Amino acid sequence: MDISKFRELAKKYLRDPLSELGFQSHGDHIFLINDETTFALLRVRDKWSNITQQVKYLLVVRQNFLPDLEEREINGFVEHPALYPFKVNPLKLKDFEKGILKKQIVYKYSSCNLGHYDTTNIDYGDENPIDTLSSIASEIKTRGIKWFELLTPEESASQIRKYGNNEYIENIWLRTYEKNGF
């Protein structure tokens, strides 16, 4: 299958179902922005993506007031995964379900800011991607929205303070949270 056919399937089985929840598209990325936070499904690329016919997806959350690596203000949707403190493989959201009947999302920040992300990989050259695309959309609808709602600015700042590794970008984020009263 070529990339244009894959994009048609991604639109039908991923973008269209998520657009019902208010998600917007930016290229191959899908995102939802509320007053203070962005929730996005990023298509993570590497230089071999087109040759290997592989697509990688990463689910991310960031507060909209967080700056870039040079501490410059950013407006609108951000494509670069490193600028999002919270990153998960969209098909591993179920790992955060806890409690009676596993209805509560319990998440602990994990520092992964050096480009080695746990992604959902789809080899569209070798496999039919429909089931994986549908599963990603379903996970975002059922568990992803809960994860997004959990990560308020207060909770996000607390998580990075408690579980961060004192990395350069984490220090920028913490200064920015403090500046904004969190």
N, C-alpha and C. Protein backbone atom coordinates (compact mmCIF):
# COMPACT_ATOMS: atom_id res chain seq x y z
N MET A 1 0.85 -1.17 0.00
CA MET A 1 0.00 0.00 0.00
C MET A 1 0.90 1.23 0.00
N ASP A 2 0.50 2.25 -0.72
CA ASP A 2 1.29 3.48 -0.73
C ASP A 2 0.76 4.45 0.34
N ILE A 3 1.51 5.51 0.58
CA ILE A 3 1.19 6.45 1.65
C ILE A 3 -0.15 7.15 1.41
N SER A 4 -0.50 7.43 0.18
CA SER A 4 -1.78 8.10 -0.08
C SER A 4 -2.96 7.20 0.32
N LYS A 5 -2.86 5.91 0.05
CA LYS A 5 -3.92 4.97 0.46
C LYS A 5 -3.96 4.88 1.99
N PHE A 6 -2.79 4.85 2.62
CA PHE A 6 -2.76 4.82 4.09
C PHE A 6 -3.44 6.07 4.66
N ARG A 7 -3.16 7.22 4.08
CA ARG A 7 -3.76 8.47 4.57
C ARG A 7 -5.28 8.45 4.43
N GLU A 8 -5.79 7.85 3.36
CA GLU A 8 -7.25 7.71 3.21
C GLU A 8 -7.83 6.88 4.34
N LEU A 9 -7.15 5.77 4.66
CA LEU A 9 -7.62 4.91 5.75
C LEU A 9 -7.50 5.62 7.10
N ALA A 10 -6.42 6.36 7.30
CA ALA A 10 -6.24 7.10 8.56
C ALA A 10 -7.35 8.13 8.72
N LYS A 11 -7.74 8.78 7.64
CA LYS A 11 -8.82 9.75 7.70
C LYS A 11 -10.13 9.07 8.10
N LYS A 12 -10.42 7.95 7.46
CA LYS A 12 -11.69 7.26 7.70
C LYS A 12 -11.78 6.62 9.08
N TYR A 13 -10.69 5.99 9.53
CA TYR A 13 -10.75 5.19 10.76
C TYR A 13 -10.15 5.87 11.99
N LEU A 14 -9.49 7.02 11.79
CA LEU A 14 -8.86 7.70 12.92
C LEU A 14 -9.33 9.16 13.00
N ARG A 15 -9.08 9.93 11.97
CA ARG A 15 -9.43 11.36 12.01
C ARG A 15 -10.92 11.61 12.09
N ASP A 16 -11.68 10.99 11.22
CA ASP A 16 -13.13 11.24 11.21
C ASP A 16 -13.79 10.87 12.55
N PRO A 17 -13.50 9.69 13.13
CA PRO A 17 -14.10 9.38 14.43
C PRO A 17 -13.69 10.37 15.54
N LEU A 18 -12.45 10.85 15.51
CA LEU A 18 -12.01 11.78 16.54
C LEU A 18 -12.52 13.19 16.30
N SER A 19 -12.81 13.52 15.05
CA SER A 19 -13.36 14.86 14.77
C SER A 19 -14.72 15.03 15.42
N GLU A 20 -15.43 13.93 15.67
CA GLU A 20 -16.71 13.98 16.38
C GLU A 20 -16.54 14.51 17.80
N LEU A 21 -15.34 14.38 18.36
CA LEU A 21 -15.04 14.88 19.71
C LEU A 21 -14.43 16.28 19.69
N GLY A 22 -14.28 16.85 18.49
CA GLY A 22 -13.72 18.19 18.38
C GLY A 22 -12.26 18.23 17.96
N PHE A 23 -11.67 17.09 17.68
CA PHE A 23 -10.28 17.06 17.24
C PHE A 23 -10.15 17.71 15.87
N GLN A 24 -9.02 18.37 15.66
CA GLN A 24 -8.70 19.00 14.39
C GLN A 24 -7.47 18.32 13.81
N SER A 25 -7.23 18.54 12.52
CA SER A 25 -6.06 17.96 11.87
C SER A 25 -5.08 19.05 11.49
N HIS A 26 -3.81 18.68 11.56
CA HIS A 26 -2.72 19.52 11.07
C HIS A 26 -1.75 18.57 10.39
N GLY A 27 -1.80 18.50 9.07
CA GLY A 27 -1.00 17.51 8.36
C GLY A 27 -1.43 16.12 8.78
N ASP A 28 -0.49 15.32 9.22
CA ASP A 28 -0.79 13.96 9.68
C ASP A 28 -1.05 13.89 11.18
N HIS A 29 -1.11 15.02 11.84
CA HIS A 29 -1.34 15.08 13.29
C HIS A 29 -2.80 15.40 13.57
N ILE A 30 -3.28 14.95 14.73
CA ILE A 30 -4.65 15.21 15.16
C ILE A 30 -4.56 15.80 16.56
N PHE A 31 -5.31 16.88 16.83
CA PHE A 31 -5.18 17.52 18.14
C PHE A 31 -6.49 18.13 18.60
N LEU A 32 -6.55 18.33 19.93
CA LEU A 32 -7.67 18.95 20.59
C LEU A 32 -7.09 19.98 21.55
N ILE A 33 -7.57 21.22 21.49
CA ILE A 33 -7.08 22.27 22.37
C ILE A 33 -8.23 22.80 23.19
N ASN A 34 -8.05 22.82 24.53
CA ASN A 34 -9.01 23.53 25.35
C ASN A 34 -8.36 24.83 25.80
N ASP A 35 -8.90 25.51 26.78
CA ASP A 35 -8.39 26.82 27.19
C ASP A 35 -6.91 26.81 27.55
N GLU A 36 -6.46 25.75 28.21
CA GLU A 36 -5.09 25.77 28.71
C GLU A 36 -4.22 24.59 28.30
N THR A 37 -4.78 23.61 27.62
CA THR A 37 -4.04 22.37 27.36
C THR A 37 -4.28 21.87 25.94
N THR A 38 -3.23 21.27 25.36
CA THR A 38 -3.32 20.62 24.05
C THR A 38 -3.14 19.12 24.24
N PHE A 39 -3.99 18.36 23.59
CA PHE A 39 -3.98 16.90 23.58
C PHE A 39 -3.82 16.52 22.11
N ALA A 40 -2.79 15.76 21.78
CA ALA A 40 -2.53 15.48 20.37
C ALA A 40 -2.08 14.04 20.13
N LEU A 41 -2.42 13.57 18.96
CA LEU A 41 -1.89 12.32 18.44
C LEU A 41 -0.93 12.74 17.34
N LEU A 42 0.36 12.58 17.61
CA LEU A 42 1.39 12.99 16.66
C LEU A 42 1.82 11.80 15.82
N ARG A 43 2.01 12.06 14.54
CA ARG A 43 2.67 11.07 13.69
C ARG A 43 4.15 11.41 13.74
N VAL A 44 4.91 10.56 14.40
CA VAL A 44 6.34 10.78 14.60
C VAL A 44 7.08 10.23 13.40
N ARG A 45 7.89 11.07 12.80
CA ARG A 45 8.62 10.66 11.59
C ARG A 45 10.11 10.50 11.88
N ASP A 46 10.69 9.62 11.12
CA ASP A 46 12.15 9.55 11.06
C ASP A 46 12.53 9.56 9.58
N LYS A 47 13.80 9.64 9.32
CA LYS A 47 14.22 9.78 7.92
C LYS A 47 13.92 8.54 7.08
N TRP A 48 13.60 7.42 7.71
CA TRP A 48 13.36 6.19 6.96
C TRP A 48 11.87 5.87 6.82
N SER A 49 10.98 6.70 7.33
CA SER A 49 9.54 6.40 7.35
C SER A 49 8.98 6.02 5.99
N ASN A 50 9.29 6.79 4.96
CA ASN A 50 8.73 6.50 3.65
C ASN A 50 9.33 5.24 3.03
N ILE A 51 10.62 5.01 3.26
CA ILE A 51 11.28 3.83 2.71
C ILE A 51 10.77 2.56 3.39
N THR A 52 10.63 2.60 4.71
CA THR A 52 10.19 1.42 5.46
C THR A 52 8.68 1.24 5.44
N GLN A 53 7.95 2.25 4.95
CA GLN A 53 6.49 2.24 4.94
C GLN A 53 5.94 1.98 6.35
N GLN A 54 6.48 2.74 7.28
CA GLN A 54 6.05 2.61 8.67
C GLN A 54 5.59 3.97 9.19
N VAL A 55 4.48 3.96 9.92
CA VAL A 55 3.95 5.14 10.57
C VAL A 55 4.02 4.90 12.06
N LYS A 56 4.43 5.93 12.81
CA LYS A 56 4.54 5.83 14.27
C LYS A 56 3.67 6.90 14.89
N TYR A 57 2.83 6.49 15.84
CA TYR A 57 1.94 7.44 16.53
C TYR A 57 2.31 7.54 18.01
N LEU A 58 2.22 8.77 18.51
CA LEU A 58 2.52 9.07 19.91
C LEU A 58 1.44 10.00 20.43
N LEU A 59 0.88 9.69 21.59
CA LEU A 59 -0.15 10.51 22.21
C LEU A 59 0.52 11.43 23.23
N VAL A 60 0.21 12.73 23.16
CA VAL A 60 0.92 13.72 23.98
C VAL A 60 -0.03 14.76 24.58
N VAL A 61 0.42 15.37 25.69
CA VAL A 61 -0.32 16.45 26.34
C VAL A 61 0.68 17.52 26.78
N ARG A 62 0.28 18.79 26.60
CA ARG A 62 1.08 19.92 27.08
C ARG A 62 0.17 21.08 27.41
N GLN A 63 0.59 21.88 28.38
CA GLN A 63 -0.12 23.12 28.66
C GLN A 63 0.29 24.14 27.60
N ASN A 64 -0.65 24.94 27.16
CA ASN A 64 -0.42 25.86 26.05
C ASN A 64 0.54 27.00 26.39
N PHE A 65 0.76 27.26 27.66
CA PHE A 65 1.67 28.35 28.04
C PHE A 65 3.13 27.89 28.13
N LEU A 66 3.41 26.61 27.95
CA LEU A 66 4.79 26.14 28.03
C LEU A 66 5.58 26.63 26.82
N PRO A 67 6.83 27.07 27.04
CA PRO A 67 7.64 27.60 25.94
C PRO A 67 8.40 26.50 25.21
N ASP A 68 9.16 26.91 24.19
CA ASP A 68 10.01 25.97 23.48
C ASP A 68 11.35 25.83 24.22
N LEU A 69 12.30 25.17 23.61
CA LEU A 69 13.59 24.90 24.26
C LEU A 69 14.42 26.15 24.53
N GLU A 70 14.13 27.22 23.79
CA GLU A 70 14.83 28.50 24.02
C GLU A 70 14.00 29.43 24.90
N GLU A 71 12.95 28.89 25.50
CA GLU A 71 12.03 29.60 26.39
C GLU A 71 11.26 30.70 25.69
N ARG A 72 11.03 30.51 24.38
CA ARG A 72 10.18 31.42 23.62
C ARG A 72 8.74 30.94 23.70
N GLU A 73 7.83 31.90 23.74
CA GLU A 73 6.41 31.57 23.78
C GLU A 73 5.99 30.90 22.47
N ILE A 74 5.10 29.93 22.58
CA ILE A 74 4.59 29.20 21.42
C ILE A 74 3.09 29.42 21.37
N ASN A 75 2.58 29.69 20.20
CA ASN A 75 1.14 29.86 20.03
C ASN A 75 0.59 28.76 19.14
N GLY A 76 -0.53 28.18 19.55
CA GLY A 76 -1.19 27.17 18.73
C GLY A 76 -0.60 25.79 18.87
N PHE A 77 -0.97 24.94 17.93
CA PHE A 77 -0.55 23.55 17.93
C PHE A 77 0.96 23.44 17.71
N VAL A 78 1.59 22.50 18.41
CA VAL A 78 3.03 22.26 18.32
C VAL A 78 3.24 20.83 17.81
N GLU A 79 4.09 20.67 16.79
CA GLU A 79 4.33 19.35 16.20
C GLU A 79 5.42 18.54 16.89
N HIS A 80 6.40 19.20 17.50
CA HIS A 80 7.57 18.49 18.00
C HIS A 80 7.28 17.78 19.33
N PRO A 81 7.45 16.45 19.38
CA PRO A 81 7.14 15.70 20.60
C PRO A 81 7.92 16.15 21.83
N ALA A 82 9.15 16.64 21.65
CA ALA A 82 9.96 17.03 22.80
C ALA A 82 9.34 18.20 23.57
N LEU A 83 8.45 18.95 22.96
CA LEU A 83 7.84 20.10 23.63
C LEU A 83 6.59 19.71 24.42
N TYR A 84 6.30 18.43 24.47
CA TYR A 84 5.18 17.90 25.25
C TYR A 84 5.75 17.13 26.44
N PRO A 85 5.42 17.52 27.66
CA PRO A 85 5.93 16.77 28.81
C PRO A 85 5.38 15.34 28.90
N PHE A 86 4.15 15.15 28.48
CA PHE A 86 3.49 13.88 28.71
C PHE A 86 3.31 13.15 27.39
N LYS A 87 3.89 11.94 27.33
CA LYS A 87 3.93 11.17 26.10
C LYS A 87 3.64 9.70 26.42
N VAL A 88 2.70 9.12 25.68
CA VAL A 88 2.41 7.69 25.86
C VAL A 88 2.12 7.04 24.51
N ASN A 89 2.34 5.77 24.47
CA ASN A 89 1.93 4.95 23.34
C ASN A 89 0.41 4.88 23.41
N PRO A 90 -0.30 5.29 22.36
CA PRO A 90 -1.77 5.33 22.46
C PRO A 90 -2.42 3.98 22.75
N LEU A 91 -1.77 2.89 22.41
CA LEU A 91 -2.36 1.57 22.70
C LEU A 91 -1.95 1.02 24.06
N LYS A 92 -1.27 1.84 24.86
CA LYS A 92 -0.91 1.41 26.22
C LYS A 92 -1.62 2.22 27.29
N LEU A 93 -2.64 2.97 26.90
CA LEU A 93 -3.41 3.74 27.88
C LEU A 93 -4.07 2.84 28.92
N LYS A 94 -4.42 1.63 28.52
CA LYS A 94 -5.07 0.71 29.46
C LYS A 94 -4.17 0.38 30.65
N ASP A 95 -2.86 0.55 30.49
CA ASP A 95 -1.93 0.29 31.59
C ASP A 95 -2.12 1.28 32.75
N PHE A 96 -2.81 2.39 32.49
CA PHE A 96 -3.02 3.40 33.52
C PHE A 96 -4.37 3.27 34.23
N GLU A 97 -5.16 2.26 33.86
CA GLU A 97 -6.45 2.07 34.51
C GLU A 97 -6.26 1.34 35.83
N LYS A 98 -6.86 1.89 36.86
CA LYS A 98 -6.75 1.32 38.21
C LYS A 98 -8.12 1.37 38.88
N GLY A 99 -8.18 0.80 40.06
CA GLY A 99 -9.38 0.89 40.88
C GLY A 99 -10.43 -0.15 40.52
N ILE A 100 -11.54 -0.04 41.22
CA ILE A 100 -12.65 -0.96 41.01
C ILE A 100 -13.15 -0.80 39.58
N LEU A 101 -13.26 -1.89 38.90
CA LEU A 101 -13.70 -1.95 37.50
C LEU A 101 -12.79 -1.18 36.55
N LYS A 102 -11.60 -0.83 37.02
CA LYS A 102 -10.58 -0.16 36.19
C LYS A 102 -11.15 1.05 35.45
N LYS A 103 -11.87 1.89 36.16
CA LYS A 103 -12.47 3.07 35.55
C LYS A 103 -11.68 4.34 35.82
N GLN A 104 -10.71 4.27 36.71
CA GLN A 104 -9.93 5.45 37.06
C GLN A 104 -8.57 5.40 36.35
N ILE A 105 -8.12 6.53 35.82
CA ILE A 105 -6.81 6.62 35.19
C ILE A 105 -5.82 7.13 36.23
N VAL A 106 -4.79 6.34 36.49
CA VAL A 106 -3.73 6.73 37.42
C VAL A 106 -2.44 6.77 36.60
N TYR A 107 -1.87 7.95 36.50
CA TYR A 107 -0.71 8.15 35.63
C TYR A 107 0.44 8.74 36.43
N LYS A 108 1.63 8.28 36.13
CA LYS A 108 2.85 8.80 36.74
C LYS A 108 3.76 9.29 35.61
N TYR A 109 4.15 10.57 35.67
CA TYR A 109 5.03 11.16 34.67
C TYR A 109 6.29 10.32 34.53
N SER A 110 6.69 10.13 33.29
CA SER A 110 7.93 9.42 32.98
C SER A 110 8.71 10.29 32.01
N SER A 111 9.92 10.63 32.39
CA SER A 111 10.75 11.49 31.56
C SER A 111 11.22 10.73 30.33
N CYS A 112 10.83 11.23 29.17
CA CYS A 112 11.29 10.62 27.91
C CYS A 112 11.45 11.76 26.90
N ASN A 113 12.46 12.57 27.10
CA ASN A 113 12.61 13.79 26.34
C ASN A 113 13.76 13.76 25.34
N LEU A 114 14.35 12.62 25.13
CA LEU A 114 15.51 12.54 24.23
C LEU A 114 15.19 11.89 22.89
N GLY A 115 13.94 11.78 22.55
CA GLY A 115 13.58 11.27 21.24
C GLY A 115 13.37 9.77 21.15
N HIS A 116 13.50 9.06 22.24
CA HIS A 116 13.27 7.62 22.25
C HIS A 116 11.88 7.38 22.82
N TYR A 117 10.88 7.44 21.96
CA TYR A 117 9.49 7.38 22.40
C TYR A 117 8.91 6.00 22.14
N ASP A 118 8.05 5.57 23.06
CA ASP A 118 7.31 4.33 22.88
C ASP A 118 6.09 4.67 22.01
N THR A 119 6.10 4.25 20.78
CA THR A 119 5.06 4.59 19.82
C THR A 119 4.28 3.36 19.38
N THR A 120 3.10 3.60 18.84
CA THR A 120 2.37 2.56 18.14
C THR A 120 2.84 2.60 16.69
N ASN A 121 3.37 1.50 16.21
CA ASN A 121 3.94 1.44 14.87
C ASN A 121 3.02 0.65 13.94
N ILE A 122 2.81 1.20 12.76
CA ILE A 122 1.99 0.53 11.75
C ILE A 122 2.85 0.38 10.49
N ASP A 123 3.07 -0.86 10.11
CA ASP A 123 3.81 -1.16 8.89
C ASP A 123 2.81 -1.29 7.75
N TYR A 124 2.42 -0.16 7.18
CA TYR A 124 1.34 -0.16 6.19
C TYR A 124 1.75 -0.80 4.87
N GLY A 125 3.02 -1.05 4.65
CA GLY A 125 3.45 -1.75 3.45
C GLY A 125 3.19 -3.24 3.53
N ASP A 126 3.14 -3.77 4.76
CA ASP A 126 2.99 -5.21 4.96
C ASP A 126 1.66 -5.63 5.58
N GLU A 127 0.96 -4.71 6.21
CA GLU A 127 -0.24 -5.11 6.94
C GLU A 127 -1.39 -4.16 6.64
N ASN A 128 -2.58 -4.65 6.90
CA ASN A 128 -3.76 -3.82 6.77
C ASN A 128 -3.88 -2.99 8.06
N PRO A 129 -3.83 -1.67 7.97
CA PRO A 129 -3.78 -0.83 9.16
C PRO A 129 -5.14 -0.52 9.80
N ILE A 130 -6.23 -1.00 9.22
CA ILE A 130 -7.56 -0.60 9.68
C ILE A 130 -7.78 -0.93 11.16
N ASP A 131 -7.44 -2.15 11.59
CA ASP A 131 -7.67 -2.54 12.98
C ASP A 131 -6.87 -1.66 13.95
N THR A 132 -5.62 -1.39 13.61
CA THR A 132 -4.79 -0.57 14.50
C THR A 132 -5.29 0.87 14.55
N LEU A 133 -5.64 1.44 13.40
CA LEU A 133 -6.18 2.80 13.38
C LEU A 133 -7.47 2.88 14.19
N SER A 134 -8.35 1.91 14.04
CA SER A 134 -9.61 1.88 14.79
C SER A 134 -9.35 1.73 16.28
N SER A 135 -8.37 0.91 16.64
CA SER A 135 -8.03 0.72 18.05
C SER A 135 -7.49 1.99 18.67
N ILE A 136 -6.65 2.72 17.93
CA ILE A 136 -6.13 3.99 18.44
C ILE A 136 -7.28 4.97 18.69
N ALA A 137 -8.19 5.09 17.73
CA ALA A 137 -9.33 6.00 17.89
C ALA A 137 -10.17 5.59 19.10
N SER A 138 -10.41 4.32 19.27
CA SER A 138 -11.20 3.83 20.40
C SER A 138 -10.51 4.12 21.74
N GLU A 139 -9.20 3.87 21.79
CA GLU A 139 -8.45 4.14 23.04
C GLU A 139 -8.48 5.62 23.40
N ILE A 140 -8.35 6.48 22.41
CA ILE A 140 -8.40 7.92 22.68
C ILE A 140 -9.78 8.31 23.20
N LYS A 141 -10.82 7.76 22.60
CA LYS A 141 -12.18 8.08 23.04
C LYS A 141 -12.47 7.57 24.45
N THR A 142 -12.03 6.36 24.77
CA THR A 142 -12.39 5.76 26.05
C THR A 142 -11.42 6.09 27.18
N ARG A 143 -10.13 6.05 26.92
CA ARG A 143 -9.15 6.27 27.98
C ARG A 143 -8.35 7.56 27.80
N GLY A 144 -8.10 7.94 26.55
CA GLY A 144 -7.27 9.11 26.28
C GLY A 144 -7.88 10.39 26.80
N ILE A 145 -9.17 10.56 26.62
CA ILE A 145 -9.84 11.77 27.11
C ILE A 145 -9.71 11.86 28.64
N LYS A 146 -9.84 10.73 29.33
CA LYS A 146 -9.68 10.72 30.80
C LYS A 146 -8.26 11.13 31.18
N TRP A 147 -7.27 10.62 30.44
CA TRP A 147 -5.87 10.96 30.70
C TRP A 147 -5.65 12.45 30.50
N PHE A 148 -6.17 12.97 29.41
CA PHE A 148 -6.09 14.39 29.09
C PHE A 148 -6.72 15.23 30.20
N GLU A 149 -7.90 14.86 30.66
CA GLU A 149 -8.59 15.61 31.71
C GLU A 149 -7.86 15.53 33.05
N LEU A 150 -7.16 14.44 33.29
CA LEU A 150 -6.37 14.30 34.52
C LEU A 150 -5.23 15.30 34.58
N LEU A 151 -4.63 15.59 33.43
CA LEU A 151 -3.42 16.40 33.38
C LEU A 151 -3.72 17.91 33.33
N THR A 152 -4.34 18.39 34.40
CA THR A 152 -4.56 19.82 34.57
C THR A 152 -3.20 20.48 34.80
N PRO A 153 -3.10 21.79 34.69
CA PRO A 153 -1.82 22.44 34.98
C PRO A 153 -1.29 22.12 36.38
N GLU A 154 -2.18 22.09 37.37
CA GLU A 154 -1.75 21.77 38.74
C GLU A 154 -1.17 20.37 38.83
N GLU A 155 -1.90 19.41 38.26
CA GLU A 155 -1.44 18.01 38.30
C GLU A 155 -0.18 17.83 37.48
N SER A 156 -0.10 18.48 36.34
CA SER A 156 1.07 18.36 35.47
C SER A 156 2.32 18.87 36.17
N ALA A 157 2.23 20.04 36.78
CA ALA A 157 3.38 20.61 37.50
C ALA A 157 3.78 19.68 38.65
N SER A 158 2.81 19.19 39.37
CA SER A 158 3.09 18.28 40.49
C SER A 158 3.80 17.01 40.02
N GLN A 159 3.34 16.45 38.92
CA GLN A 159 3.94 15.22 38.38
C GLN A 159 5.40 15.45 37.98
N ILE A 160 5.67 16.55 37.30
CA ILE A 160 7.05 16.81 36.86
C ILE A 160 7.95 17.07 38.06
N ARG A 161 7.46 17.82 39.05
CA ARG A 161 8.25 18.05 40.28
C ARG A 161 8.58 16.74 40.98
N LYS A 162 7.59 15.89 41.07
CA LYS A 162 7.73 14.64 41.84
C LYS A 162 8.54 13.57 41.11
N TYR A 163 8.34 13.44 39.80
CA TYR A 163 8.93 12.32 39.07
C TYR A 163 9.96 12.71 38.01
N GLY A 164 10.21 14.00 37.85
CA GLY A 164 11.16 14.45 36.83
C GLY A 164 12.60 14.09 37.15
N ASN A 165 13.47 14.25 36.16
CA ASN A 165 14.89 13.92 36.30
C ASN A 165 15.79 15.15 36.28
N ASN A 166 15.21 16.32 36.51
CA ASN A 166 15.98 17.57 36.52
C ASN A 166 16.64 17.82 35.16
N GLU A 167 15.96 17.42 34.09
CA GLU A 167 16.46 17.65 32.74
C GLU A 167 16.26 19.12 32.36
N TYR A 168 17.01 19.55 31.37
CA TYR A 168 16.97 20.94 30.92
C TYR A 168 15.54 21.40 30.64
N ILE A 169 14.80 20.65 29.81
CA ILE A 169 13.45 21.05 29.44
C ILE A 169 12.52 20.98 30.65
N GLU A 170 12.73 20.02 31.54
CA GLU A 170 11.89 19.94 32.74
C GLU A 170 12.07 21.17 33.61
N ASN A 171 13.28 21.67 33.71
CA ASN A 171 13.52 22.89 34.49
C ASN A 171 12.82 24.09 33.86
N ILE A 172 12.83 24.17 32.53
CA ILE A 172 12.09 25.23 31.84
C ILE A 172 10.61 25.12 32.15
N TRP A 173 10.08 23.90 32.06
CA TRP A 173 8.65 23.70 32.33
C TRP A 173 8.31 24.10 33.76
N LEU A 174 9.13 23.67 34.71
CA LEU A 174 8.83 23.98 36.12
C LEU A 174 8.88 25.48 36.40
N ARG A 175 9.85 26.18 35.82
CA ARG A 175 9.89 27.64 35.99
C ARG A 175 8.63 28.28 35.40
N THR A 176 8.18 27.76 34.28
CA THR A 176 7.00 28.32 33.61
C THR A 176 5.73 28.00 34.42
N TYR A 177 5.64 26.81 34.96
CA TYR A 177 4.48 26.48 35.82
C TYR A 177 4.45 27.42 37.02
N GLU A 178 5.60 27.60 37.66
CA GLU A 178 5.66 28.50 38.82
C GLU A 178 5.26 29.92 38.44
N LYS A 179 5.77 30.40 37.32
CA LYS A 179 5.44 31.75 36.84
C LYS A 179 3.94 31.91 36.61
N ASN A 180 3.26 30.82 36.24
CA ASN A 180 1.84 30.85 35.99
C ASN A 180 1.00 30.42 37.21
N GLY A 181 1.65 30.32 38.36
CA GLY A 181 0.94 30.05 39.60
C GLY A 181 0.65 28.59 39.91
N PHE A 182 1.39 27.68 39.30
CA PHE A 182 1.15 26.26 39.53
C PHE A 182 2.34 25.63 40.21
